[in-house]
Protein backbone atom coordinates (compact mmCIF):
# COMPACT_ATOMS: atom_id res chain seq x y z
CA MET A 1 14.78 -39.75 29.73
CA PHE A 2 11.59 -37.43 30.21
CA LYS A 3 13.55 -34.42 30.10
CA GLN A 4 15.70 -35.40 27.31
CA ARG A 5 12.55 -36.04 25.39
CA ILE A 6 11.27 -32.85 26.13
CA LEU A 7 14.21 -31.26 25.18
CA ALA A 8 14.81 -33.15 22.12
CA LEU A 9 11.41 -32.17 20.90
CA MET A 10 11.90 -28.48 22.15
CA LEU A 11 14.97 -28.46 19.97
CA VAL A 12 13.43 -29.48 16.79
CA LEU A 13 10.26 -27.65 17.34
CA LEU A 14 11.75 -24.02 17.77
CA PRO A 15 13.68 -23.64 14.63
CA LEU A 16 10.04 -24.59 12.74
CA LEU A 17 8.25 -22.31 14.76
CA SER A 18 10.79 -19.41 14.56
CA SER A 19 10.75 -20.20 10.52
CA CYS A 20 6.48 -19.03 10.94
CA SER A 21 6.86 -15.41 11.72
CA ALA A 22 8.60 -13.12 9.73
CA VAL A 23 10.27 -10.61 10.78
CA PHE A 24 8.65 -6.91 9.45
CA ASP A 25 10.42 -3.50 9.31
CA PRO A 26 7.24 -1.25 8.70
CA ALA A 27 10.06 1.38 7.69
CA LEU A 28 9.94 -1.17 4.34
CA THR A 29 6.33 -0.03 2.99
CA GLU A 30 6.62 3.42 4.09
CA LEU A 31 8.99 4.04 2.09
CA ALA A 32 7.48 2.09 -0.58
CA VAL A 33 4.48 4.60 -0.20
CA LYS A 34 6.76 7.54 -0.26
CA ASP A 35 7.97 5.83 -3.67
CA PHE A 36 4.51 6.40 -4.57
CA HIS A 37 3.77 9.51 -4.15
CA ASN A 38 6.92 10.95 -5.43
CA SER A 39 5.88 8.61 -9.00
CA TYR A 40 2.32 9.94 -8.49
CA ASN A 41 3.84 13.89 -8.71
CA ALA A 42 5.69 13.24 -11.01
CA SER A 43 3.20 11.10 -13.19
CA SER A 44 4.69 8.01 -13.60
CA PHE A 45 2.12 5.82 -13.43
CA THR A 46 3.52 3.44 -15.60
CA THR A 47 6.30 3.07 -13.16
CA ILE A 48 4.01 2.62 -10.07
CA TYR A 49 2.28 -0.19 -12.57
CA ARG A 50 5.46 -1.80 -13.42
CA ASN A 51 6.46 -2.38 -9.73
CA SER A 52 3.21 -3.51 -8.55
CA SER A 53 2.70 -7.10 -7.68
CA PRO A 54 1.51 -9.49 -10.27
CA GLU A 55 -1.74 -9.90 -8.70
CA PHE A 56 -2.60 -6.39 -9.13
CA GLN A 57 -1.50 -6.43 -12.77
CA GLU A 58 -3.79 -9.26 -13.24
CA PHE A 59 -6.65 -6.97 -11.67
CA VAL A 60 -6.53 -4.45 -13.77
CA SER A 61 -4.43 -3.50 -17.21
CA GLU A 62 -2.09 -0.48 -17.18
CA ASP A 63 -3.72 1.86 -19.08
CA LYS A 64 -7.06 1.60 -16.76
CA PHE A 65 -4.67 1.98 -14.29
CA THR A 66 -2.97 5.02 -15.75
CA ARG A 67 -5.98 6.60 -17.07
CA LEU A 68 -7.56 6.24 -13.10
CA LEU A 69 -4.35 8.04 -11.76
CA GLY A 70 -4.37 10.74 -14.40
CA LYS A 71 -8.02 11.57 -13.23
CA LEU A 72 -7.08 11.19 -9.90
CA GLN A 73 -4.61 13.55 -9.93
CA THR A 74 -6.63 16.21 -12.09
CA LYS A 75 -9.16 16.25 -9.23
CA LEU A 76 -6.66 16.11 -6.26
CA GLY A 77 -3.67 17.85 -7.95
CA GLU A 78 -0.55 16.91 -6.37
CA HIS A 79 0.14 15.13 -2.92
CA HIS A 80 1.80 17.20 -0.35
CA SER A 81 2.33 14.81 2.73
CA SER A 82 0.38 12.16 4.51
CA ASP A 83 0.26 11.23 8.84
CA LEU A 84 -0.19 7.51 9.04
CA VAL A 85 -3.58 6.58 11.16
CA SER A 86 -2.67 3.17 11.59
CA TRP A 87 -1.24 -0.39 9.49
CA SER A 88 -1.80 -3.97 10.23
CA SER A 89 0.07 -6.47 8.84
CA LYS A 90 -0.61 -10.64 8.06
CA SER A 91 2.03 -13.48 7.17
CA SER A 92 1.34 -16.49 5.20
CA PHE A 93 3.58 -19.71 5.24
CA GLY A 94 4.21 -18.99 1.69
CA GLY A 95 6.56 -16.61 3.07
CA ALA A 96 4.97 -13.14 2.10
CA THR A 97 3.68 -10.60 4.19
CA MET A 98 0.40 -8.70 3.82
CA VAL A 99 0.69 -5.08 4.83
CA THR A 100 -1.76 -2.55 5.02
CA LEU A 101 -1.31 1.06 5.94
CA VAL A 102 -4.10 3.81 5.70
CA TYR A 103 -2.84 7.16 5.58
CA LYS A 104 -4.50 10.85 6.31
CA ALA A 105 -3.76 12.58 3.32
CA GLU A 106 -3.00 16.06 1.98
CA TYR A 107 -3.42 17.31 -2.05
CA GLN A 108 -3.35 20.62 -3.75
CA HIS A 109 -7.28 20.19 -3.76
CA ASP A 110 -8.55 18.74 -0.75
CA GLY A 111 -7.08 18.41 2.71
CA GLN A 112 -9.15 15.47 3.83
CA ALA A 113 -8.25 12.79 2.04
CA GLN A 114 -8.09 9.53 3.29
CA GLU A 115 -5.30 6.61 1.60
CA SER A 116 -5.05 2.76 1.92
CA PHE A 117 -2.20 0.82 1.10
CA THR A 118 -1.71 -2.90 0.63
CA PHE A 119 1.78 -4.19 -0.36
CA ARG A 120 2.54 -7.85 -0.31
CA VAL A 121 6.46 -7.93 1.11
CA ARG A 122 8.32 -10.58 0.25
CA ASP A 123 12.32 -11.08 0.23
CA GLY A 124 12.69 -7.85 1.34
CA LEU A 125 10.83 -6.07 -1.53
CA ALA A 126 6.96 -4.61 -1.38
CA ARG A 127 5.10 -4.45 -4.06
CA LEU A 128 1.61 -2.85 -4.53
CA TYR A 129 -1.09 -4.88 -4.10
CA ASN A 130 -4.55 -2.35 -3.59
CA PHE A 131 -4.64 1.29 -3.95
CA ASN A 132 -7.88 3.14 -2.69
CA VAL A 133 -8.26 6.98 -2.06
CA SER A 134 -11.47 8.71 -0.73
CA SER A 135 -11.80 12.48 -0.96
CA PRO A 136 -14.79 14.49 -0.52
CA VAL A 137 -13.06 16.14 -3.58
CA LEU A 138 -14.18 12.94 -5.78
CA SER A 139 -17.58 12.64 -4.29
CA GLN A 140 -18.34 16.48 -5.69
CA LYS A 141 -19.78 16.53 -9.32
CA ASN A 142 -18.34 18.63 -11.50
CA ARG A 143 -20.54 22.39 -10.79
CA SER A 144 -20.25 25.39 -12.92
CA ARG A 145 -18.43 28.95 -11.17
CA GLU A 146 -20.43 30.92 -12.56
CA THR A 147 -23.77 31.82 -11.03
CA GLU A 148 -27.30 32.49 -12.60
CA ILE A 149 -28.59 35.80 -12.07
């Protein structure tokens, strides 16, 4: 009788426990990063914005985001390559998974940039939730290339 109760309890709890851990494929977000870079290099900033998560769009306007990426492209130039440094994910009960990827990136004017992407993944779709890039080039002030004598 005791064994039957344990077996019945396991049969009830097993599907509940397995539904809490969403299966996540890191290739999905890596593909989203590749799409981001392709759109960035093509100056398709509106495409990036319109494919981002609703939370991202609530945080920043399309106009402000496209101007920001335009300035970023002016300073860093074209994106050349990125090497994945680390990634992490957190699943929620709502069915979404938040995935953060950190890359060492090389741009036309800087080979030492670091990028961080956070995506909200739900129903097989990765949507940009946050993007950050840091670079020595971005922290430099505009300096004249001429030398005074």
